[in-house]
Amino acid sequence: MPLTPGPRARGKKKGLGEFEKYLQACGIKHIVAGTQHPQTNGKIERFFLTVTSQIGHHSSMDGLVEWYNTSRPHMSLNLSTPEEAFWHRLTPERTLGTASQILYQTPPGNPR
């Protein structure tokens, strides 16, 4: 059975449609693009274009996602990868704390 838009999509405010119920059951928060804000749709359209053009170059969707996050430079991140941007934005204390937990297998907040 295809998922159909809920009452809100048709201008009503009562009840949830099948799609909203599915998202709720999966714990997914549905974020819709704002009206009069084409940048939001542009970002996802660009992502879909990248996925469409690259999917044949990877053996799986996981491989594509790994490439997208660890190898492909992003203009919005000053030609860094999302992984590089993530690690760069962490404070040294967070980075060192995480490394210490991994190396010494100590629980968070329990120094050696």
N, C-alpha and C. Protein backbone atom coordinates (compact mmCIF):
# COMPACT_ATOMS: atom_id res chain seq x y z
N MET A 1 0.84 -1.17 0.00
CA MET A 1 0.00 0.00 0.00
C MET A 1 0.90 1.24 0.00
N PRO A 2 0.72 2.18 -0.93
CA PRO A 2 1.56 3.37 -0.96
C PRO A 2 1.24 4.30 0.20
N LEU A 3 2.26 4.99 0.67
CA LEU A 3 2.06 5.96 1.74
C LEU A 3 1.43 7.21 1.16
N THR A 4 0.48 7.76 1.86
CA THR A 4 -0.21 8.96 1.38
C THR A 4 0.05 10.11 2.32
N PRO A 5 0.00 11.35 1.81
CA PRO A 5 0.19 12.49 2.69
C PRO A 5 -0.90 12.54 3.74
N GLY A 6 -0.54 13.05 4.91
CA GLY A 6 -1.51 13.16 6.00
C GLY A 6 -2.42 14.36 5.82
N PRO A 7 -3.35 14.53 6.74
CA PRO A 7 -4.31 15.63 6.64
C PRO A 7 -3.65 17.00 6.57
N ARG A 8 -2.49 17.16 7.24
CA ARG A 8 -1.83 18.47 7.21
C ARG A 8 -1.42 18.86 5.79
N ALA A 9 -1.02 17.86 5.01
CA ALA A 9 -0.61 18.15 3.63
C ALA A 9 -1.80 18.65 2.81
N ARG A 10 -2.99 18.32 3.26
CA ARG A 10 -4.17 18.77 2.55
C ARG A 10 -4.81 19.98 3.23
N GLY A 11 -4.10 20.58 4.19
CA GLY A 11 -4.59 21.79 4.83
C GLY A 11 -5.37 21.57 6.10
N LYS A 12 -5.54 20.33 6.54
CA LYS A 12 -6.26 20.04 7.78
C LYS A 12 -5.25 19.88 8.91
N LYS A 13 -5.68 20.04 10.13
CA LYS A 13 -4.77 19.96 11.27
C LYS A 13 -4.98 18.74 12.15
N LYS A 14 -6.01 17.93 11.91
CA LYS A 14 -6.31 16.79 12.77
C LYS A 14 -5.70 15.50 12.23
N GLY A 15 -5.22 14.67 13.15
CA GLY A 15 -4.80 13.32 12.80
C GLY A 15 -3.50 13.23 12.02
N LEU A 16 -2.98 12.02 11.96
CA LEU A 16 -1.75 11.73 11.23
C LEU A 16 -2.06 10.83 10.04
N GLY A 17 -1.40 11.09 8.94
CA GLY A 17 -1.51 10.22 7.78
C GLY A 17 -0.58 9.03 7.93
N GLU A 18 -0.62 8.13 6.97
CA GLU A 18 0.21 6.93 7.02
C GLU A 18 1.70 7.28 7.07
N PHE A 19 2.10 8.28 6.28
CA PHE A 19 3.50 8.67 6.23
C PHE A 19 3.96 9.20 7.59
N GLU A 20 3.16 10.09 8.20
CA GLU A 20 3.51 10.64 9.51
C GLU A 20 3.57 9.54 10.57
N LYS A 21 2.63 8.58 10.51
CA LYS A 21 2.63 7.47 11.46
C LYS A 21 3.88 6.62 11.30
N TYR A 22 4.29 6.39 10.05
CA TYR A 22 5.50 5.61 9.78
C TYR A 22 6.73 6.31 10.35
N LEU A 23 6.83 7.62 10.09
CA LEU A 23 7.97 8.38 10.62
C LEU A 23 7.99 8.34 12.14
N GLN A 24 6.84 8.52 12.74
CA GLN A 24 6.73 8.51 14.20
C GLN A 24 7.14 7.15 14.76
N ALA A 25 6.69 6.08 14.13
CA ALA A 25 7.03 4.73 14.58
C ALA A 25 8.53 4.47 14.49
N CYS A 26 9.18 5.08 13.50
CA CYS A 26 10.63 4.90 13.32
C CYS A 26 11.45 5.91 14.11
N GLY A 27 10.77 6.84 14.80
CA GLY A 27 11.49 7.85 15.57
C GLY A 27 12.15 8.89 14.70
N ILE A 28 11.58 9.15 13.52
CA ILE A 28 12.16 10.11 12.58
C ILE A 28 11.40 11.42 12.67
N LYS A 29 12.13 12.52 12.82
CA LYS A 29 11.51 13.84 12.82
C LYS A 29 11.47 14.34 11.39
N HIS A 30 10.28 14.63 10.89
CA HIS A 30 10.11 15.09 9.52
C HIS A 30 10.32 16.60 9.48
N ILE A 31 11.32 17.03 8.75
CA ILE A 31 11.61 18.45 8.60
C ILE A 31 11.30 18.82 7.16
N VAL A 32 10.38 19.73 6.98
CA VAL A 32 10.00 20.15 5.63
C VAL A 32 10.72 21.44 5.28
N ALA A 33 10.92 21.65 4.01
CA ALA A 33 11.57 22.88 3.55
C ALA A 33 10.61 24.05 3.75
N GLY A 34 11.16 25.16 4.18
CA GLY A 34 10.34 26.34 4.38
C GLY A 34 9.91 26.94 3.05
N THR A 35 8.76 27.58 3.07
CA THR A 35 8.30 28.24 1.86
C THR A 35 9.14 29.49 1.62
N GLN A 36 9.27 29.87 0.40
CA GLN A 36 10.04 31.05 0.01
C GLN A 36 11.51 30.94 0.44
N HIS A 37 12.05 29.73 0.47
CA HIS A 37 13.45 29.54 0.85
C HIS A 37 14.08 28.51 -0.08
N PRO A 38 14.36 28.90 -1.34
CA PRO A 38 14.85 27.93 -2.32
C PRO A 38 16.21 27.31 -1.98
N GLN A 39 16.99 27.95 -1.11
CA GLN A 39 18.29 27.38 -0.77
C GLN A 39 18.15 26.00 -0.15
N THR A 40 17.11 25.80 0.65
CA THR A 40 16.91 24.51 1.30
C THR A 40 16.71 23.43 0.27
N ASN A 41 15.84 23.65 -0.68
CA ASN A 41 15.62 22.65 -1.73
C ASN A 41 16.86 22.50 -2.60
N GLY A 42 17.59 23.56 -2.83
CA GLY A 42 18.79 23.50 -3.66
C GLY A 42 19.84 22.58 -3.07
N LYS A 43 19.99 22.60 -1.74
CA LYS A 43 20.99 21.75 -1.10
C LYS A 43 20.66 20.28 -1.29
N ILE A 44 19.40 19.91 -1.09
CA ILE A 44 19.06 18.50 -1.23
C ILE A 44 19.08 18.08 -2.70
N GLU A 45 18.69 18.98 -3.59
CA GLU A 45 18.75 18.67 -5.02
C GLU A 45 20.19 18.43 -5.45
N ARG A 46 21.13 19.22 -4.93
CA ARG A 46 22.56 19.04 -5.25
C ARG A 46 23.05 17.69 -4.71
N PHE A 47 22.60 17.34 -3.52
CA PHE A 47 22.98 16.05 -2.94
C PHE A 47 22.47 14.91 -3.81
N PHE A 48 21.20 14.99 -4.24
CA PHE A 48 20.64 13.95 -5.10
C PHE A 48 21.39 13.85 -6.42
N LEU A 49 21.81 14.99 -6.98
CA LEU A 49 22.58 14.97 -8.21
C LEU A 49 23.91 14.25 -8.00
N THR A 50 24.57 14.53 -6.88
CA THR A 50 25.83 13.87 -6.57
C THR A 50 25.63 12.36 -6.41
N VAL A 51 24.60 11.96 -5.67
CA VAL A 51 24.33 10.54 -5.48
C VAL A 51 24.06 9.86 -6.82
N THR A 52 23.22 10.49 -7.64
CA THR A 52 22.87 9.91 -8.94
C THR A 52 24.10 9.74 -9.83
N SER A 53 24.98 10.73 -9.82
CA SER A 53 26.15 10.66 -10.70
C SER A 53 27.24 9.73 -10.18
N GLN A 54 27.25 9.45 -8.87
CA GLN A 54 28.33 8.67 -8.28
C GLN A 54 27.96 7.24 -7.92
N ILE A 55 26.69 6.91 -7.87
CA ILE A 55 26.28 5.60 -7.37
C ILE A 55 26.90 4.45 -8.16
N GLY A 56 27.12 4.63 -9.44
CA GLY A 56 27.72 3.57 -10.25
C GLY A 56 29.21 3.36 -10.00
N HIS A 57 29.85 4.31 -9.30
CA HIS A 57 31.28 4.21 -9.02
C HIS A 57 31.58 3.54 -7.69
N HIS A 58 30.55 3.14 -6.97
CA HIS A 58 30.72 2.54 -5.64
C HIS A 58 29.97 1.23 -5.58
N SER A 59 30.51 0.29 -4.80
CA SER A 59 29.91 -1.04 -4.75
C SER A 59 28.66 -1.09 -3.88
N SER A 60 28.46 -0.08 -3.04
CA SER A 60 27.28 -0.07 -2.17
C SER A 60 26.96 1.37 -1.79
N MET A 61 25.79 1.56 -1.21
CA MET A 61 25.43 2.88 -0.73
C MET A 61 26.33 3.28 0.44
N ASP A 62 26.73 2.30 1.26
CA ASP A 62 27.66 2.60 2.35
C ASP A 62 28.98 3.12 1.80
N GLY A 63 29.45 2.54 0.71
CA GLY A 63 30.69 3.00 0.08
C GLY A 63 30.55 4.42 -0.44
N LEU A 64 29.40 4.73 -1.02
CA LEU A 64 29.15 6.08 -1.52
C LEU A 64 29.13 7.08 -0.36
N VAL A 65 28.45 6.73 0.73
CA VAL A 65 28.38 7.62 1.89
C VAL A 65 29.77 7.83 2.49
N GLU A 66 30.55 6.76 2.57
CA GLU A 66 31.91 6.90 3.10
C GLU A 66 32.74 7.84 2.22
N TRP A 67 32.66 7.66 0.91
CA TRP A 67 33.37 8.55 -0.01
C TRP A 67 32.90 9.99 0.17
N TYR A 68 31.59 10.20 0.24
CA TYR A 68 31.01 11.54 0.35
C TYR A 68 31.49 12.24 1.63
N ASN A 69 31.61 11.49 2.71
CA ASN A 69 31.96 12.09 4.00
C ASN A 69 33.46 12.14 4.29
N THR A 70 34.25 11.27 3.62
CA THR A 70 35.67 11.21 3.97
C THR A 70 36.63 11.59 2.85
N SER A 71 36.18 11.58 1.61
CA SER A 71 37.10 11.84 0.49
C SER A 71 36.71 13.05 -0.36
N ARG A 72 35.44 13.34 -0.49
CA ARG A 72 34.98 14.39 -1.40
C ARG A 72 35.06 15.75 -0.72
N PRO A 73 35.84 16.70 -1.28
CA PRO A 73 35.87 18.06 -0.73
C PRO A 73 34.53 18.75 -0.96
N HIS A 74 34.10 19.54 0.01
CA HIS A 74 32.84 20.27 -0.08
C HIS A 74 33.13 21.77 -0.11
N MET A 75 32.57 22.44 -1.10
CA MET A 75 32.80 23.89 -1.22
C MET A 75 32.32 24.62 0.03
N SER A 76 31.20 24.19 0.61
CA SER A 76 30.65 24.88 1.78
C SER A 76 31.54 24.71 3.01
N LEU A 77 32.49 23.77 2.94
CA LEU A 77 33.42 23.54 4.06
C LEU A 77 34.84 23.97 3.68
N ASN A 78 34.94 24.94 2.78
CA ASN A 78 36.25 25.43 2.32
C ASN A 78 37.12 24.30 1.78
N LEU A 79 36.51 23.44 0.99
CA LEU A 79 37.15 22.30 0.34
C LEU A 79 37.71 21.27 1.31
N SER A 80 37.13 21.21 2.51
CA SER A 80 37.43 20.13 3.45
C SER A 80 36.36 19.06 3.27
N THR A 81 36.63 17.89 3.81
CA THR A 81 35.60 16.86 3.83
C THR A 81 34.78 17.04 5.11
N PRO A 82 33.56 16.50 5.15
CA PRO A 82 32.80 16.57 6.41
C PRO A 82 33.55 15.95 7.58
N GLU A 83 34.27 14.88 7.35
CA GLU A 83 35.03 14.26 8.43
C GLU A 83 36.11 15.21 8.96
N GLU A 84 36.83 15.86 8.05
CA GLU A 84 37.85 16.82 8.47
C GLU A 84 37.23 17.98 9.25
N ALA A 85 36.09 18.47 8.77
CA ALA A 85 35.41 19.57 9.45
C ALA A 85 34.97 19.15 10.85
N PHE A 86 34.47 17.93 10.97
CA PHE A 86 34.04 17.42 12.28
C PHE A 86 35.20 17.42 13.26
N TRP A 87 36.32 16.82 12.88
CA TRP A 87 37.45 16.72 13.79
C TRP A 87 38.07 18.08 14.07
N HIS A 88 38.07 18.95 13.07
CA HIS A 88 38.65 20.29 13.25
C HIS A 88 37.85 21.11 14.26
N ARG A 89 36.55 20.92 14.29
CA ARG A 89 35.69 21.72 15.18
C ARG A 89 35.66 21.22 16.61
N LEU A 90 36.15 20.02 16.86
CA LEU A 90 36.20 19.51 18.23
C LEU A 90 37.27 20.25 19.01
N THR A 91 37.00 20.54 20.26
CA THR A 91 38.03 21.17 21.10
C THR A 91 39.09 20.12 21.41
N PRO A 92 40.32 20.56 21.69
CA PRO A 92 41.38 19.60 22.02
C PRO A 92 41.00 18.70 23.20
N GLU A 93 40.29 19.28 24.18
CA GLU A 93 39.90 18.49 25.34
C GLU A 93 38.99 17.33 24.93
N ARG A 94 38.05 17.60 24.03
CA ARG A 94 37.13 16.55 23.58
C ARG A 94 37.90 15.50 22.79
N THR A 95 38.80 15.94 21.91
CA THR A 95 39.56 15.01 21.09
C THR A 95 40.45 14.13 21.97
N LEU A 96 41.17 14.75 22.89
CA LEU A 96 42.07 13.99 23.76
C LEU A 96 41.29 13.09 24.71
N GLY A 97 40.15 13.57 25.20
CA GLY A 97 39.33 12.74 26.08
C GLY A 97 38.83 11.50 25.37
N THR A 98 38.39 11.67 24.13
CA THR A 98 37.91 10.53 23.34
C THR A 98 39.04 9.56 23.07
N ALA A 99 40.21 10.08 22.71
CA ALA A 99 41.36 9.21 22.45
C ALA A 99 41.75 8.45 23.71
N SER A 100 41.73 9.13 24.84
CA SER A 100 42.08 8.47 26.10
C SER A 100 41.10 7.34 26.42
N GLN A 101 39.82 7.59 26.20
CA GLN A 101 38.82 6.55 26.48
C GLN A 101 39.02 5.34 25.57
N ILE A 102 39.36 5.61 24.31
CA ILE A 102 39.56 4.51 23.37
C ILE A 102 40.83 3.72 23.73
N LEU A 103 41.92 4.44 23.98
CA LEU A 103 43.20 3.79 24.25
C LEU A 103 43.21 3.03 25.57
N TYR A 104 42.63 3.66 26.59
CA TYR A 104 42.70 3.05 27.92
C TYR A 104 41.40 2.39 28.34
N GLN A 105 40.40 2.42 27.47
CA GLN A 105 39.10 1.81 27.71
C GLN A 105 38.52 2.21 29.07
N THR A 106 38.54 3.52 29.32
CA THR A 106 37.96 4.04 30.55
C THR A 106 36.60 4.66 30.26
N PRO A 107 35.66 4.54 31.15
CA PRO A 107 34.37 5.17 30.92
C PRO A 107 34.48 6.69 31.00
N PRO A 108 33.61 7.43 30.31
CA PRO A 108 33.64 8.88 30.33
C PRO A 108 33.55 9.40 31.77
N GLY A 109 34.33 10.44 32.08
CA GLY A 109 34.29 11.05 33.39
C GLY A 109 35.01 10.25 34.46
N ASN A 110 35.76 9.22 34.05
CA ASN A 110 36.47 8.38 35.01
C ASN A 110 37.94 8.30 34.60
N PRO A 111 38.73 9.35 34.91
CA PRO A 111 40.13 9.36 34.45
C PRO A 111 40.95 8.28 35.11
N ARG A 112 42.02 7.92 34.44
CA ARG A 112 42.92 6.88 34.96
C ARG A 112 43.76 7.41 36.07
